[in-house]
Amino acid sequence: MAAALKNVPFDQDAKDAVVRYYSTTPKNPETRLWIMPHHVRDLRAKIRAERLENFAYEGDPDETPKEYLARYRASWRPSPPAPYPPRRPPDAGGGPHRSMAELLSAA
């Protein structure tokens, strides 16, 4: 089976695909489940698509390209499987925009 999955990374999404396969009740409860390479490949793709389905990155307009890439990549990494709570997006720092802070400090 490993040879048939040589082009599929052994990442959390692949592990989650195996968990999802064996966590799903078969149509016929008497059927014995045997996972095949196409199951891992298809379910991994589905898991990745679900994670990115409604993704919208709202970055900081003052961030550097390096900060943008780091925060963007961190925001769509795989989330832990249940029962863990979903990950929150990385903290963008918060606070007023630099121009607003200058305006407020002048007042």
PDB file of N, CA and C in Angstrom:
ATOM      1  N   MET A   1       0.822  -1.191   0.000  1.00  0.00           N
ATOM      2  CA  MET A   1       0.000   0.000   0.000  1.00  0.00           C
ATOM      3  C   MET A   1       0.867   1.256   0.000  1.00  0.00           C
ATOM      4  N   ALA A   2       1.978   1.238   0.706  1.00  0.00           N
ATOM      5  CA  ALA A   2       2.839   2.416   0.769  1.00  0.00           C
ATOM      6  C   ALA A   2       3.350   2.812  -0.613  1.00  0.00           C
ATOM      7  N   ALA A   3       3.663   1.857  -1.444  1.00  0.00           N
ATOM      8  CA  ALA A   3       4.156   2.159  -2.786  1.00  0.00           C
ATOM      9  C   ALA A   3       3.082   2.850  -3.621  1.00  0.00           C
ATOM     10  N   ALA A   4       1.828   2.517  -3.389  1.00  0.00           N
ATOM     11  CA  ALA A   4       0.729   3.141  -4.131  1.00  0.00           C
ATOM     12  C   ALA A   4       0.440   4.549  -3.642  1.00  0.00           C
ATOM     13  N   LEU A   5       0.988   4.910  -2.485  1.00  0.00           N
ATOM     14  CA  LEU A   5       0.761   6.246  -1.920  1.00  0.00           C
ATOM     15  C   LEU A   5       2.030   7.096  -1.946  1.00  0.00           C
ATOM     16  N   LYS A   6       3.002   6.721  -2.789  1.00  0.00           N
ATOM     17  CA  LYS A   6       4.284   7.432  -2.777  1.00  0.00           C
ATOM     18  C   LYS A   6       4.157   8.907  -3.147  1.00  0.00           C
ATOM     19  N   ASN A   7       3.120   9.296  -3.865  1.00  0.00           N
ATOM     20  CA  ASN A   7       2.949  10.709  -4.232  1.00  0.00           C
ATOM     21  C   ASN A   7       2.027  11.450  -3.255  1.00  0.00           C
ATOM     22  N   VAL A   8       1.608  10.795  -2.177  1.00  0.00           N
ATOM     23  CA  VAL A   8       0.752  11.430  -1.159  1.00  0.00           C
ATOM     24  C   VAL A   8       1.608  11.693   0.075  1.00  0.00           C
ATOM     25  N   PRO A   9       1.716  12.953   0.502  1.00  0.00           N
ATOM     26  CA  PRO A   9       2.525  13.244   1.691  1.00  0.00           C
ATOM     27  C   PRO A   9       1.948  12.566   2.937  1.00  0.00           C
ATOM     28  N   PHE A  10       2.814  12.093   3.801  1.00  0.00           N
ATOM     29  CA  PHE A  10       2.375  11.507   5.070  1.00  0.00           C
ATOM     30  C   PHE A  10       2.228  12.650   6.071  1.00  0.00           C
ATOM     31  N   ASP A  11       1.159  13.412   5.921  1.00  0.00           N
ATOM     32  CA  ASP A  11       0.902  14.561   6.777  1.00  0.00           C
ATOM     33  C   ASP A  11      -0.363  14.332   7.604  1.00  0.00           C
ATOM     34  N   GLN A  12      -0.758  15.351   8.365  1.00  0.00           N
ATOM     35  CA  GLN A  12      -1.934  15.223   9.218  1.00  0.00           C
ATOM     36  C   GLN A  12      -3.190  14.973   8.397  1.00  0.00           C
ATOM     37  N   ASP A  13      -3.273  15.546   7.209  1.00  0.00           N
ATOM     38  CA  ASP A  13      -4.445  15.326   6.365  1.00  0.00           C
ATOM     39  C   ASP A  13      -4.556  13.862   5.936  1.00  0.00           C
ATOM     40  N   ALA A  14      -3.435  13.229   5.633  1.00  0.00           N
ATOM     41  CA  ALA A  14      -3.460  11.804   5.262  1.00  0.00           C
ATOM     42  C   ALA A  14      -3.881  10.952   6.455  1.00  0.00           C
ATOM     43  N   LYS A  15      -3.368  11.289   7.630  1.00  0.00           N
ATOM     44  CA  LYS A  15      -3.753  10.559   8.846  1.00  0.00           C
ATOM     45  C   LYS A  15      -5.242  10.751   9.134  1.00  0.00           C
ATOM     46  N   ASP A  16      -5.716  11.993   8.965  1.00  0.00           N
ATOM     47  CA  ASP A  16      -7.139  12.277   9.187  1.00  0.00           C
ATOM     48  C   ASP A  16      -8.022  11.533   8.185  1.00  0.00           C
ATOM     49  N   ALA A  17      -7.504  11.337   6.966  1.00  0.00           N
ATOM     50  CA  ALA A  17      -8.264  10.593   5.956  1.00  0.00           C
ATOM     51  C   ALA A  17      -8.473   9.152   6.399  1.00  0.00           C
ATOM     52  N   VAL A  18      -7.442   8.551   6.964  1.00  0.00           N
ATOM     53  CA  VAL A  18      -7.565   7.178   7.461  1.00  0.00           C
ATOM     54  C   VAL A  18      -8.557   7.122   8.615  1.00  0.00           C
ATOM     55  N   VAL A  19      -8.463   8.085   9.525  1.00  0.00           N
ATOM     56  CA  VAL A  19      -9.395   8.142  10.660  1.00  0.00           C
ATOM     57  C   VAL A  19     -10.822   8.317  10.162  1.00  0.00           C
ATOM     58  N   ARG A  20     -11.016   9.210   9.206  1.00  0.00           N
ATOM     59  CA  ARG A  20     -12.362   9.442   8.679  1.00  0.00           C
ATOM     60  C   ARG A  20     -12.917   8.186   8.016  1.00  0.00           C
ATOM     61  N   TYR A  21     -12.060   7.483   7.283  1.00  0.00           N
ATOM     62  CA  TYR A  21     -12.512   6.271   6.606  1.00  0.00           C
ATOM     63  C   TYR A  21     -13.013   5.238   7.619  1.00  0.00           C
ATOM     64  N   TYR A  22     -12.224   5.000   8.639  1.00  0.00           N
ATOM     65  CA  TYR A  22     -12.603   3.980   9.610  1.00  0.00           C
ATOM     66  C   TYR A  22     -13.644   4.477  10.617  1.00  0.00           C
ATOM     67  N   SER A  23     -13.899   5.773  10.671  1.00  0.00           N
ATOM     68  CA  SER A  23     -14.928   6.325  11.562  1.00  0.00           C
ATOM     69  C   SER A  23     -16.297   6.372  10.903  1.00  0.00           C
ATOM     70  N   THR A  24     -16.335   6.170   9.599  1.00  0.00           N
ATOM     71  CA  THR A  24     -17.592   6.215   8.861  1.00  0.00           C
ATOM     72  C   THR A  24     -18.227   4.833   8.847  1.00  0.00           C
ATOM     73  N   THR A  25     -19.485   4.770   9.224  1.00  0.00           N
ATOM     74  CA  THR A  25     -20.199   3.504   9.240  1.00  0.00           C
ATOM     75  C   THR A  25     -20.446   3.037   7.806  1.00  0.00           C
ATOM     76  N   PRO A  26     -20.120   1.779   7.509  1.00  0.00           N
ATOM     77  CA  PRO A  26     -20.370   1.281   6.151  1.00  0.00           C
ATOM     78  C   PRO A  26     -21.867   1.130   5.890  1.00  0.00           C
ATOM     79  N   LYS A  27     -22.242   1.130   4.622  1.00  0.00           N
ATOM     80  CA  LYS A  27     -23.656   0.973   4.265  1.00  0.00           C
ATOM     81  C   LYS A  27     -24.205  -0.340   4.814  1.00  0.00           C
ATOM     82  N   ASN A  28     -23.417  -1.377   4.726  1.00  0.00           N
ATOM     83  CA  ASN A  28     -23.802  -2.677   5.266  1.00  0.00           C
ATOM     84  C   ASN A  28     -22.944  -2.931   6.502  1.00  0.00           C
ATOM     85  N   PRO A  29     -23.541  -2.909   7.720  1.00  0.00           N
ATOM     86  CA  PRO A  29     -22.755  -3.088   8.939  1.00  0.00           C
ATOM     87  C   PRO A  29     -21.996  -4.410   9.013  1.00  0.00           C
ATOM     88  N   GLU A  30     -22.387  -5.393   8.220  1.00  0.00           N
ATOM     89  CA  GLU A  30     -21.703  -6.691   8.209  1.00  0.00           C
ATOM     90  C   GLU A  30     -20.437  -6.663   7.361  1.00  0.00           C
ATOM     91  N   THR A  31     -20.253  -5.611   6.581  1.00  0.00           N
ATOM     92  CA  THR A  31     -19.104  -5.498   5.686  1.00  0.00           C
ATOM     93  C   THR A  31     -17.841  -5.176   6.479  1.00  0.00           C
ATOM     94  N   ARG A  32     -16.774  -5.850   6.143  1.00  0.00           N
ATOM     95  CA  ARG A  32     -15.491  -5.568   6.765  1.00  0.00           C
ATOM     96  C   ARG A  32     -14.797  -4.478   5.950  1.00  0.00           C
ATOM     97  N   LEU A  33     -14.339  -3.429   6.625  1.00  0.00           N
ATOM     98  CA  LEU A  33     -13.718  -2.315   5.920  1.00  0.00           C
ATOM     99  C   LEU A  33     -12.240  -2.578   5.647  1.00  0.00           C
ATOM    100  N   TRP A  34     -11.858  -2.402   4.405  1.00  0.00           N
ATOM    101  CA  TRP A  34     -10.467  -2.466   3.986  1.00  0.00           C
ATOM    102  C   TRP A  34     -10.140  -1.167   3.280  1.00  0.00           C
ATOM    103  N   ILE A  35      -9.202  -0.433   3.813  1.00  0.00           N
ATOM    104  CA  ILE A  35      -8.849   0.845   3.198  1.00  0.00           C
ATOM    105  C   ILE A  35      -7.911   0.600   2.015  1.00  0.00           C
ATOM    106  N   MET A  36      -8.153   1.340   0.960  1.00  0.00           N
ATOM    107  CA  MET A  36      -7.359   1.237  -0.254  1.00  0.00           C
ATOM    108  C   MET A  36      -6.665   2.584  -0.494  1.00  0.00           C
ATOM    109  N   PRO A  37      -5.602   2.600  -1.278  1.00  0.00           N
ATOM    110  CA  PRO A  37      -4.898   3.858  -1.532  1.00  0.00           C
ATOM    111  C   PRO A  37      -5.803   4.966  -2.068  1.00  0.00           C
ATOM    112  N   HIS A  38      -6.759   4.618  -2.939  1.00  0.00           N
ATOM    113  CA  HIS A  38      -7.620   5.670  -3.483  1.00  0.00           C
ATOM    114  C   HIS A  38      -8.501   6.279  -2.397  1.00  0.00           C
ATOM    115  N   HIS A  39      -8.824   5.523  -1.351  1.00  0.00           N
ATOM    116  CA  HIS A  39      -9.592   6.091  -0.249  1.00  0.00           C
ATOM    117  C   HIS A  39      -8.785   7.188   0.451  1.00  0.00           C
ATOM    118  N   VAL A  40      -7.526   6.898   0.734  1.00  0.00           N
ATOM    119  CA  VAL A  40      -6.667   7.885   1.400  1.00  0.00           C
ATOM    120  C   VAL A  40      -6.514   9.119   0.522  1.00  0.00           C
ATOM    121  N   ARG A  41      -6.219   8.909  -0.740  1.00  0.00           N
ATOM    122  CA  ARG A  41      -6.004  10.024  -1.672  1.00  0.00           C
ATOM    123  C   ARG A  41      -7.265  10.889  -1.798  1.00  0.00           C
ATOM    124  N   ASP A  42      -8.426  10.249  -1.986  1.00  0.00           N
ATOM    125  CA  ASP A  42      -9.675  10.992  -2.182  1.00  0.00           C
ATOM    126  C   ASP A  42     -10.120  11.717  -0.910  1.00  0.00           C
ATOM    127  N   LEU A  43     -10.035  11.028   0.226  1.00  0.00           N
ATOM    128  CA  LEU A  43     -10.455  11.653   1.472  1.00  0.00           C
ATOM    129  C   LEU A  43      -9.504  12.773   1.888  1.00  0.00           C
ATOM    130  N   ARG A  44      -8.221  12.617   1.621  1.00  0.00           N
ATOM    131  CA  ARG A  44      -7.259  13.691   1.926  1.00  0.00           C
ATOM    132  C   ARG A  44      -7.587  14.931   1.110  1.00  0.00           C
ATOM    133  N   ALA A  45      -7.878  14.754  -0.161  1.00  0.00           N
ATOM    134  CA  ALA A  45      -8.247  15.883  -1.015  1.00  0.00           C
ATOM    135  C   ALA A  45      -9.540  16.541  -0.519  1.00  0.00           C
ATOM    136  N   LYS A  46     -10.489  15.729  -0.094  1.00  0.00           N
ATOM    137  CA  LYS A  46     -11.758  16.262   0.408  1.00  0.00           C
ATOM    138  C   LYS A  46     -11.545  17.059   1.699  1.00  0.00           C
ATOM    139  N   ILE A  47     -10.719  16.555   2.597  1.00  0.00           N
ATOM    140  CA  ILE A  47     -10.424  17.249   3.855  1.00  0.00           C
ATOM    141  C   ILE A  47      -9.771  18.596   3.570  1.00  0.00           C
ATOM    142  N   ARG A  48      -8.834  18.623   2.648  1.00  0.00           N
ATOM    143  CA  ARG A  48      -8.152  19.879   2.308  1.00  0.00           C
ATOM    144  C   ARG A  48      -9.111  20.871   1.658  1.00  0.00           C
ATOM    145  N   ALA A  49      -9.993  20.392   0.803  1.00  0.00           N
ATOM    146  CA  ALA A  49     -10.970  21.271   0.155  1.00  0.00           C
ATOM    147  C   ALA A  49     -11.954  21.839   1.175  1.00  0.00           C
ATOM    148  N   GLU A  50     -12.382  21.011   2.123  1.00  0.00           N
ATOM    149  CA  GLU A  50     -13.310  21.484   3.159  1.00  0.00           C
ATOM    150  C   GLU A  50     -12.677  22.588   3.995  1.00  0.00           C
ATOM    151  N   ARG A  51     -11.402  22.441   4.312  1.00  0.00           N
ATOM    152  CA  ARG A  51     -10.718  23.434   5.142  1.00  0.00           C
ATOM    153  C   ARG A  51     -10.606  24.779   4.420  1.00  0.00           C
ATOM    154  N   LEU A  52     -10.417  24.735   3.116  1.00  0.00           N
ATOM    155  CA  LEU A  52     -10.219  25.964   2.353  1.00  0.00           C
ATOM    156  C   LEU A  52     -11.512  26.517   1.739  1.00  0.00           C
ATOM    157  N   GLU A  53     -12.626  25.822   1.940  1.00  0.00           N
ATOM    158  CA  GLU A  53     -13.884  26.180   1.291  1.00  0.00           C
ATOM    159  C   GLU A  53     -14.315  27.625   1.538  1.00  0.00           C
ATOM    160  N   ASN A  54     -14.337  28.059   2.764  1.00  0.00           N
ATOM    161  CA  ASN A  54     -14.787  29.416   3.091  1.00  0.00           C
ATOM    162  C   ASN A  54     -13.659  30.259   3.657  1.00  0.00           C
ATOM    163  N   PHE A  55     -12.433  29.960   3.245  1.00  0.00           N
ATOM    164  CA  PHE A  55     -11.278  30.657   3.792  1.00  0.00           C
ATOM    165  C   PHE A  55     -11.165  32.060   3.211  1.00  0.00           C
ATOM    166  N   ALA A  56     -10.964  33.024   4.090  1.00  0.00           N
ATOM    167  CA  ALA A  56     -10.704  34.402   3.670  1.00  0.00           C
ATOM    168  C   ALA A  56      -9.677  34.982   4.631  1.00  0.00           C
ATOM    169  N   TYR A  57      -8.511  35.325   4.132  1.00  0.00           N
ATOM    170  CA  TYR A  57      -7.466  35.882   4.985  1.00  0.00           C
ATOM    171  C   TYR A  57      -7.664  37.380   5.088  1.00  0.00           C
ATOM    172  N   GLU A  58      -7.762  37.852   6.300  1.00  0.00           N
ATOM    173  CA  GLU A  58      -7.883  39.288   6.554  1.00  0.00           C
ATOM    174  C   GLU A  58      -6.633  39.724   7.287  1.00  0.00           C
ATOM    175  N   GLY A  59      -5.669  40.160   6.531  1.00  0.00           N
ATOM    176  CA  GLY A  59      -4.374  40.521   7.106  1.00  0.00           C
ATOM    177  C   GLY A  59      -4.306  41.968   7.548  1.00  0.00           C
ATOM    178  N   ASP A  60      -3.158  42.331   8.053  1.00  0.00           N
ATOM    179  CA  ASP A  60      -2.870  43.688   8.492  1.00  0.00           C
ATOM    180  C   ASP A  60      -2.323  44.457   7.290  1.00  0.00           C
ATOM    181  N   PRO A  61      -2.886  45.628   6.977  1.00  0.00           N
ATOM    182  CA  PRO A  61      -2.382  46.361   5.813  1.00  0.00           C
ATOM    183  C   PRO A  61      -0.929  46.816   5.962  1.00  0.00           C
ATOM    184  N   ASP A  62      -0.406  46.849   7.186  1.00  0.00           N
ATOM    185  CA  ASP A  62       0.964  47.294   7.406  1.00  0.00           C
ATOM    186  C   ASP A  62       1.962  46.140   7.521  1.00  0.00           C
ATOM    187  N   GLU A  63       1.499  44.901   7.333  1.00  0.00           N
ATOM    188  CA  GLU A  63       2.411  43.778   7.486  1.00  0.00           C
ATOM    189  C   GLU A  63       3.358  43.682   6.299  1.00  0.00           C
ATOM    190  N   THR A  64       4.527  43.159   6.586  1.00  0.00           N
ATOM    191  CA  THR A  64       5.523  42.962   5.529  1.00  0.00           C
ATOM    192  C   THR A  64       5.155  41.707   4.744  1.00  0.00           C
ATOM    193  N   PRO A  65       5.725  41.530   3.567  1.00  0.00           N
ATOM    194  CA  PRO A  65       5.450  40.293   2.816  1.00  0.00           C
ATOM    195  C   PRO A  65       5.808  39.040   3.620  1.00  0.00           C
ATOM    196  N   LYS A  66       6.890  39.086   4.388  1.00  0.00           N
ATOM    197  CA  LYS A  66       7.285  37.936   5.199  1.00  0.00           C
ATOM    198  C   LYS A  66       6.237  37.653   6.278  1.00  0.00           C
ATOM    199  N   GLU A  67       5.742  38.704   6.948  1.00  0.00           N
ATOM    200  CA  GLU A  67       4.696  38.539   7.974  1.00  0.00           C
ATOM    201  C   GLU A  67       3.409  38.025   7.334  1.00  0.00           C
ATOM    202  N   TYR A  68       3.080  38.569   6.156  1.00  0.00           N
ATOM    203  CA  TYR A  68       1.876  38.132   5.444  1.00  0.00           C
ATOM    204  C   TYR A  68       1.935  36.630   5.170  1.00  0.00           C
ATOM    205  N   LEU A  69       3.052  36.181   4.587  1.00  0.00           N
ATOM    206  CA  LEU A  69       3.171  34.762   4.250  1.00  0.00           C
ATOM    207  C   LEU A  69       3.103  33.874   5.488  1.00  0.00           C
ATOM    208  N   ALA A  70       3.763  34.292   6.564  1.00  0.00           N
ATOM    209  CA  ALA A  70       3.758  33.487   7.791  1.00  0.00           C
ATOM    210  C   ALA A  70       2.352  33.393   8.365  1.00  0.00           C
ATOM    211  N   ARG A  71       1.639  34.511   8.451  1.00  0.00           N
ATOM    212  CA  ARG A  71       0.281  34.507   9.010  1.00  0.00           C
ATOM    213  C   ARG A  71      -0.707  33.800   8.083  1.00  0.00           C
ATOM    214  N   TYR A  72      -0.543  34.017   6.785  1.00  0.00           N
ATOM    215  CA  TYR A  72      -1.436  33.378   5.816  1.00  0.00           C
ATOM    216  C   TYR A  72      -1.303  31.860   5.887  1.00  0.00           C
ATOM    217  N   ARG A  73      -0.067  31.379   5.874  1.00  0.00           N
ATOM    218  CA  ARG A  73       0.161  29.932   5.925  1.00  0.00           C
ATOM    219  C   ARG A  73      -0.308  29.335   7.247  1.00  0.00           C
ATOM    220  N   ALA A  74      -0.096  30.057   8.333  1.00  0.00           N
ATOM    221  CA  ALA A  74      -0.516  29.555   9.648  1.00  0.00           C
ATOM    222  C   ALA A  74      -2.032  29.475   9.755  1.00  0.00           C
ATOM    223  N   SER A  75      -2.737  30.314   9.024  1.00  0.00           N
ATOM    224  CA  SER A  75      -4.197  30.350   9.154  1.00  0.00           C
ATOM    225  C   SER A  75      -4.896  29.209   8.422  1.00  0.00           C
ATOM    226  N   TRP A  76      -4.265  28.550   7.464  1.00  0.00           N
ATOM    227  CA  TRP A  76      -4.937  27.448   6.766  1.00  0.00           C
ATOM    228  C   TRP A  76      -4.285  26.095   6.974  1.00  0.00           C
ATOM    229  N   ARG A  77      -3.386  26.015   7.942  1.00  0.00           N
ATOM    230  CA  ARG A  77      -2.812  24.704   8.266  1.00  0.00           C
ATOM    231  C   ARG A  77      -3.890  23.787   8.816  1.00  0.00           C
ATOM    232  N   PRO A  78      -3.673  22.486   8.748  1.00  0.00           N
ATOM    233  CA  PRO A  78      -4.692  21.561   9.252  1.00  0.00           C
ATOM    234  C   PRO A  78      -5.021  21.811  10.712  1.00  0.00           C
ATOM    235  N   SER A  79      -6.277  21.759  10.998  1.00  0.00           N
ATOM    236  CA  SER A  79      -6.687  21.891  12.387  1.00  0.00           C
ATOM    237  C   SER A  79      -6.684  20.511  13.029  1.00  0.00           C
ATOM    238  N   PRO A  80      -6.570  20.463  14.353  1.00  0.00           N
ATOM    239  CA  PRO A  80      -6.527  19.150  15.000  1.00  0.00           C
ATOM    240  C   PRO A  80      -7.863  18.438  14.877  1.00  0.00           C
ATOM    241  N   PRO A  81      -7.840  17.118  14.828  1.00  0.00           N
ATOM    242  CA  PRO A  81      -9.103  16.385  14.733  1.00  0.00           C
ATOM    243  C   PRO A  81      -9.893  16.496  16.031  1.00  0.00           C
ATOM    244  N   ALA A  82     -11.189  16.239  15.965  1.00  0.00           N
ATOM    245  CA  ALA A  82     -12.020  16.238  17.163  1.00  0.00           C
ATOM    246  C   ALA A  82     -11.444  15.221  18.134  1.00  0.00           C
ATOM    247  N   PRO A  83     -11.566  15.411  19.397  1.00  0.00           N
ATOM    248  CA  PRO A  83     -12.385  16.329  20.171  1.00  0.00           C
ATOM    249  C   PRO A  83     -11.707  17.648  20.506  1.00  0.00           C
ATOM    250  N   TYR A  84     -10.597  17.952  19.880  1.00  0.00           N
ATOM    251  CA  TYR A  84      -9.925  19.203  20.180  1.00  0.00           C
ATOM    252  C   TYR A  84     -10.711  20.376  19.609  1.00  0.00           C
ATOM    253  N   PRO A  85     -10.700  21.525  20.294  1.00  0.00           N
ATOM    254  CA  PRO A  85     -11.414  22.695  19.761  1.00  0.00           C
ATOM    255  C   PRO A  85     -10.717  23.211  18.501  1.00  0.00           C
ATOM    256  N   PRO A  86     -11.449  23.872  17.613  1.00  0.00           N
ATOM    257  CA  PRO A  86     -10.820  24.385  16.389  1.00  0.00           C
ATOM    258  C   PRO A  86      -9.789  25.455  16.717  1.00  0.00           C
ATOM    259  N   ARG A  87      -8.769  25.531  15.868  1.00  0.00           N
ATOM    260  CA  ARG A  87      -7.738  26.557  16.064  1.00  0.00           C
ATOM    261  C   ARG A  87      -8.294  27.928  15.753  1.00  0.00           C
ATOM    262  N   ARG A  88      -7.823  28.897  16.506  1.00  0.00           N
ATOM    263  CA  ARG A  88      -8.183  30.286  16.221  1.00  0.00           C
ATOM    264  C   ARG A  88      -7.148  30.854  15.265  1.00  0.00           C
ATOM    265  N   PRO A  89      -7.564  31.812  14.434  1.00  0.00           N
ATOM    266  CA  PRO A  89      -6.577  32.414  13.534  1.00  0.00           C
ATOM    267  C   PRO A  89      -5.491  33.118  14.343  1.00  0.00           C
ATOM    268  N   PRO A  90      -4.297  33.255  13.796  1.00  0.00           N
ATOM    269  CA  PRO A  90      -3.231  33.907  14.545  1.00  0.00           C
ATOM    270  C   PRO A  90      -3.592  35.349  14.877  1.00  0.00           C
ATOM    271  N   ASP A  91      -3.113  35.793  16.020  1.00  0.00           N
ATOM    272  CA  ASP A  91      -3.374  37.161  16.453  1.00  0.00           C
ATOM    273  C   ASP A  91      -2.635  38.122  15.525  1.00  0.00           C
ATOM    274  N   ALA A  92      -3.365  39.045  14.946  1.00  0.00           N
ATOM    275  CA  ALA A  92      -2.769  40.003  14.015  1.00  0.00           C
ATOM    276  C   ALA A  92      -2.223  41.231  14.734  1.00  0.00           C
ATOM    277  N   GLY A  93      -2.287  41.243  16.044  1.00  0.00           N
ATOM    278  CA  GLY A  93      -1.725  42.362  16.786  1.00  0.00           C
ATOM    279  C   GLY A  93      -2.785  43.307  17.326  1.00  0.00           C
ATOM    280  N   GLY A  94      -3.818  43.568  16.569  1.00  0.00           N
ATOM    281  CA  GLY A  94      -4.904  44.433  17.027  1.00  0.00           C
ATOM    282  C   GLY A  94      -4.470  45.876  17.192  1.00  0.00           C
ATOM    283  N   GLY A  95      -5.335  46.662  17.794  1.00  0.00           N
ATOM    284  CA  GLY A  95      -5.039  48.068  18.022  1.00  0.00           C
ATOM    285  C   GLY A  95      -5.399  48.923  16.822  1.00  0.00           C
ATOM    286  N   PRO A  96      -5.409  50.228  17.005  1.00  0.00           N
ATOM    287  CA  PRO A  96      -5.776  51.115  15.899  1.00  0.00           C
ATOM    288  C   PRO A  96      -4.682  51.176  14.838  1.00  0.00           C
ATOM    289  N   HIS A  97      -5.084  51.553  13.658  1.00  0.00           N
ATOM    290  CA  HIS A  97      -4.149  51.746  12.552  1.00  0.00           C
ATOM    291  C   HIS A  97      -3.169  52.858  12.932  1.00  0.00           C
ATOM    292  N   ARG A  98      -1.957  52.790  12.381  1.00  0.00           N
ATOM    293  CA  ARG A  98      -0.912  53.751  12.708  1.00  0.00           C
ATOM    294  C   ARG A  98      -1.384  55.195  12.503  1.00  0.00           C
ATOM    295  N   SER A  99      -2.090  55.487  11.413  1.00  0.00           N
ATOM    296  CA  SER A  99      -2.554  56.855  11.157  1.00  0.00           C
ATOM    297  C   SER A  99      -3.573  57.288  12.196  1.00  0.00           C
ATOM    298  N   MET A 100      -4.420  56.358  12.647  1.00  0.00           N
ATOM    299  CA  MET A 100      -5.398  56.692  13.687  1.00  0.00           C
ATOM    300  C   MET A 100      -4.706  56.915  15.026  1.00  0.00           C
ATOM    301  N   ALA A 101      -3.685  56.138  15.330  1.00  0.00           N
ATOM    302  CA  ALA A 101      -2.946  56.314  16.570  1.00  0.00           C
ATOM    303  C   ALA A 101      -2.265  57.680  16.600  1.00  0.00           C
ATOM    304  N   GLU A 102      -1.703  58.101  15.463  1.00  0.00           N
ATOM    305  CA  GLU A 102      -1.073  59.423  15.383  1.00  0.00           C
ATOM    306  C   GLU A 102      -2.105  60.532  15.588  1.00  0.00           C
ATOM    307  N   LEU A 103      -3.268  60.339  14.994  1.00  0.00           N
ATOM    308  CA  LEU A 103      -4.336  61.322  15.115  1.00  0.00           C
ATOM    309  C   LEU A 103      -4.795  61.426  16.561  1.00  0.00           C
ATOM    310  N   LEU A 104      -4.938  60.284  17.222  1.00  0.00           N
ATOM    311  CA  LEU A 104      -5.370  60.268  18.614  1.00  0.00           C
ATOM    312  C   LEU A 104      -4.321  60.867  19.548  1.00  0.00           C
ATOM    313  N   SER A 105      -3.052  60.604  19.262  1.00  0.00           N
ATOM    314  CA  SER A 105      -1.988  61.129  20.135  1.00  0.00           C
ATOM    315  C   SER A 105      -1.864  62.647  19.980  1.00  0.00           C
ATOM    316  N   ALA A 106      -2.225  63.183  18.817  1.00  0.00           N
ATOM    317  CA  ALA A 106      -2.171  64.624  18.581  1.00  0.00           C
ATOM    318  C   ALA A 106      -3.302  65.352  19.300  1.00  0.00           C
ATOM    319  N   ALA A 107      -4.389  64.646  19.589  1.00  0.00           N
ATOM    320  CA  ALA A 107      -5.556  65.294  20.208  1.00  0.00           C
ATOM    321  C   ALA A 107      -5.401  65.517  21.678  1.00  0.00           C
TER     322      ALA A 107
END
